[in-house]
Amino acid sequence: MSNQTKQLQKNSQPGAKRAKYVQDIKQTIDSGEYRVNPQKTAKKMIDFWKKHQ
């Protein structure tokens, strides 16, 4: 592998903080405790579509 390819692979790996965040969410979902905030979800959807018009 070229050094550039190795660097790209390294950069695509999640950092320790992000990996912990994802693991915590997975555990919350698995335990049945994860709750969706419908207002926050709707706002993010609206913001997304406003950017892509």
C-alpha atoms as a PDB file:
ATOM      1  CA  MET A   1       0.000   0.000   0.000  1.00  0.00           C
ATOM      2  CA  SER A   2       1.117   3.488  -0.695  1.00  0.00           C
ATOM      3  CA  ASN A   3       1.651   5.915   2.140  1.00  0.00           C
ATOM      4  CA  GLN A   4      -1.256   7.975   0.820  1.00  0.00           C
ATOM      5  CA  THR A   5      -3.590   4.953   0.958  1.00  0.00           C
ATOM      6  CA  LYS A   6      -2.479   4.152   4.496  1.00  0.00           C
ATOM      7  CA  GLN A   7      -3.127   7.758   5.552  1.00  0.00           C
ATOM      8  CA  LEU A   8      -6.616   7.693   4.011  1.00  0.00           C
ATOM      9  CA  GLN A   9      -7.431   4.499   5.899  1.00  0.00           C
ATOM     10  CA  LYS A  10      -6.128   5.996   9.133  1.00  0.00           C
ATOM     11  CA  ASN A  11      -8.206   9.159   8.634  1.00  0.00           C
ATOM     12  CA  SER A  12     -11.369   7.140   8.019  1.00  0.00           C
ATOM     13  CA  GLN A  13     -11.100   5.419  11.402  1.00  0.00           C
ATOM     14  CA  PRO A  14     -13.291   6.965  14.098  1.00  0.00           C
ATOM     15  CA  GLY A  15     -11.523   8.628  16.982  1.00  0.00           C
ATOM     16  CA  ALA A  16     -11.785   7.158  20.458  1.00  0.00           C
ATOM     17  CA  LYS A  17     -14.336   9.780  21.510  1.00  0.00           C
ATOM     18  CA  ARG A  18     -16.569   9.073  18.491  1.00  0.00           C
ATOM     19  CA  ALA A  19     -16.253   5.301  18.937  1.00  0.00           C
ATOM     20  CA  LYS A  20     -17.343   5.608  22.596  1.00  0.00           C
ATOM     21  CA  TYR A  21     -20.300   7.795  21.585  1.00  0.00           C
ATOM     22  CA  VAL A  22     -21.439   5.237  19.003  1.00  0.00           C
ATOM     23  CA  GLN A  23     -20.977   2.355  21.451  1.00  0.00           C
ATOM     24  CA  ASP A  24     -23.046   4.176  24.100  1.00  0.00           C
ATOM     25  CA  ILE A  25     -25.880   4.711  21.607  1.00  0.00           C
ATOM     26  CA  LYS A  26     -25.775   1.043  20.565  1.00  0.00           C
ATOM     27  CA  GLN A  27     -26.040  -0.045  24.189  1.00  0.00           C
ATOM     28  CA  THR A  28     -28.954   2.333  24.802  1.00  0.00           C
ATOM     29  CA  ILE A  29     -30.774   0.956  21.745  1.00  0.00           C
ATOM     30  CA  ASP A  30     -30.084  -2.658  22.737  1.00  0.00           C
ATOM     31  CA  SER A  31     -31.442  -2.047  26.231  1.00  0.00           C
ATOM     32  CA  GLY A  32     -34.627  -0.492  24.837  1.00  0.00           C
ATOM     33  CA  GLU A  33     -33.963   2.850  26.520  1.00  0.00           C
ATOM     34  CA  TYR A  34     -33.274   4.904  23.368  1.00  0.00           C
ATOM     35  CA  ARG A  35     -35.930   7.539  22.753  1.00  0.00           C
ATOM     36  CA  VAL A  36     -36.300   9.592  19.598  1.00  0.00           C
ATOM     37  CA  ASN A  37     -36.977  13.302  20.028  1.00  0.00           C
ATOM     38  CA  PRO A  38     -39.540  13.964  17.269  1.00  0.00           C
ATOM     39  CA  GLN A  39     -39.107  17.751  17.365  1.00  0.00           C
ATOM     40  CA  LYS A  40     -35.341  17.523  17.004  1.00  0.00           C
ATOM     41  CA  THR A  41     -35.674  14.963  14.211  1.00  0.00           C
ATOM     42  CA  ALA A  42     -38.179  17.118  12.319  1.00  0.00           C
ATOM     43  CA  LYS A  43     -35.992  20.205  12.668  1.00  0.00           C
ATOM     44  CA  LYS A  44     -32.944  18.376  11.311  1.00  0.00           C
ATOM     45  CA  MET A  45     -34.999  17.088   8.363  1.00  0.00           C
ATOM     46  CA  ILE A  46     -36.304  20.573   7.577  1.00  0.00           C
ATOM     47  CA  ASP A  47     -32.823  22.083   7.855  1.00  0.00           C
ATOM     48  CA  PHE A  48     -31.448  19.394   5.537  1.00  0.00           C
ATOM     49  CA  TRP A  49     -34.069  19.997   2.856  1.00  0.00           C
ATOM     50  CA  LYS A  50     -33.701  23.762   3.074  1.00  0.00           C
ATOM     51  CA  LYS A  51     -30.011  23.371   2.208  1.00  0.00           C
ATOM     52  CA  HIS A  52     -30.781  21.116  -0.759  1.00  0.00           C
ATOM     53  CA  GLN A  53     -33.397  23.184  -2.561  1.00  0.00           C
END
